[in-house]
Structure formats: C-alpha cells, structure tokens
Amino acid sequence: MRWRVKQEGYVECPEMSGKTIQNLRIYPDTGDGTEVQIDFADGTSFTCSLTCQAAVKSTLYRPGIGSPEVLRKYEM
C-alpha cells in the first residue's frame, strides 16, 4: 500500500477511495493499542492501530515570590 503524507499533515490512502464499507470494528486496547478494522465489500480489509505514548516533562525550579525560577527542564 502506498502511503502519501500530505503537506497538510495527514496520510492519504488512495487505494481505498470509492470502496464500499461492509463493516467497521473497533477493538479495545490490549496493550498494543486500539485497533480499527474496516472490511470492504470487495473482500479486502484495512487495519489501523492507535497507540498513546507517555511523555515525561519535569522541571527543577526555585520557588519564591511571584513566578518560580526555572533552573532546568527535563523531557523524555
């Protein structure tokens, strides 16, 4: 399948244009992510896995009167 990442910030899948959807299933997150499955009337299927990634943002700061003084920011 050819993925096209558009300048507008989305992925386009032209092979699926005009197909008739027979069924759409959403499977809950089982640790690998939530999966979306689209079954088409022509016997083909498309799956997409959606995952969330944790982000860690930390700050070392010195509290005081007014805004705290940020000494360093950490991100993962």
Protein backbone atom coordinates (compact mmCIF):
# COMPACT_ATOMS: atom_id res chain seq x y z
CA MET A 1 0.00 0.00 0.00
CA ARG A 2 1.32 3.42 -0.90
CA TRP A 3 1.06 5.96 1.89
CA ARG A 4 1.05 9.59 0.92
CA VAL A 5 1.90 12.05 3.64
CA LYS A 6 0.35 15.32 2.57
CA GLN A 7 1.81 18.73 3.34
CA GLU A 8 -1.40 19.43 5.25
CA GLY A 9 -0.27 16.88 7.89
CA TYR A 10 -2.38 13.81 7.12
CA VAL A 11 -1.86 10.45 5.41
CA GLU A 12 -3.85 9.61 2.30
CA CYS A 13 -4.61 6.05 1.11
CA PRO A 14 -5.84 6.36 -2.49
CA GLU A 15 -6.35 2.59 -2.86
CA MET A 16 -9.39 2.82 -0.58
CA SER A 17 -11.14 5.67 -2.39
CA GLY A 18 -14.55 4.70 -3.73
CA LYS A 19 -14.72 1.35 -1.92
CA THR A 20 -17.93 0.36 -0.16
CA ILE A 21 -17.56 -0.30 3.57
CA GLN A 22 -19.18 -3.54 4.63
CA ASN A 23 -18.22 -3.43 8.30
CA LEU A 24 -16.20 -1.32 10.73
CA ARG A 25 -14.89 -2.74 14.02
CA ILE A 26 -13.03 -1.03 16.85
CA TYR A 27 -11.14 -3.39 19.16
CA PRO A 28 -10.21 -2.07 22.63
CA ASP A 29 -6.60 -1.51 23.66
CA THR A 30 -4.98 -4.83 24.55
CA GLY A 31 -1.55 -3.38 25.29
CA ASP A 32 -0.62 -3.00 21.62
CA GLY A 33 -3.07 -0.16 21.04
CA THR A 34 -6.68 0.22 19.95
CA GLU A 35 -7.24 -1.31 16.53
CA VAL A 36 -9.67 -0.13 13.86
CA GLN A 37 -10.59 -2.66 11.16
CA ILE A 38 -12.53 -1.70 8.04
CA ASP A 39 -13.87 -4.56 5.88
CA PHE A 40 -14.79 -3.62 2.32
CA ALA A 41 -17.45 -5.21 0.13
CA ASP A 42 -14.78 -6.39 -2.35
CA GLY A 43 -13.26 -8.72 0.29
CA THR A 44 -10.31 -6.51 1.26
CA SER A 45 -9.70 -5.13 4.77
CA PHE A 46 -7.80 -2.20 6.25
CA THR A 47 -6.48 -2.10 9.81
CA CYS A 48 -5.01 0.77 11.78
CA SER A 49 -3.53 0.59 15.27
CA LEU A 50 -3.80 3.66 17.51
CA THR A 51 -1.41 3.97 20.44
CA CYS A 52 -0.76 6.65 23.02
CA GLN A 53 2.79 7.27 24.13
CA ALA A 54 3.56 8.58 27.58
CA ALA A 55 5.56 11.79 27.81
CA VAL A 56 7.55 12.84 30.84
CA LYS A 57 8.12 16.53 31.46
CA SER A 58 9.87 17.62 34.62
CA THR A 59 11.17 20.90 35.97
CA LEU A 60 13.76 21.78 38.58
CA TYR A 61 12.80 25.16 39.99
CA ARG A 62 13.40 27.53 42.90
CA PRO A 63 10.13 28.73 44.44
CA GLY A 64 9.81 32.25 45.68
CA ILE A 65 7.64 35.32 45.50
CA GLY A 66 5.99 35.61 42.09
CA SER A 67 6.89 33.19 39.33
CA PRO A 68 9.29 30.38 40.25
CA GLU A 69 12.80 30.47 38.84
CA VAL A 70 13.18 27.57 36.39
CA LEU A 71 16.65 26.09 36.73
CA ARG A 72 16.29 23.23 34.24
CA LYS A 73 13.63 21.37 32.22
CA TYR A 74 13.77 17.64 31.53
CA GLU A 75 11.82 15.79 28.84
CA MET A 76 11.72 12.21 27.63
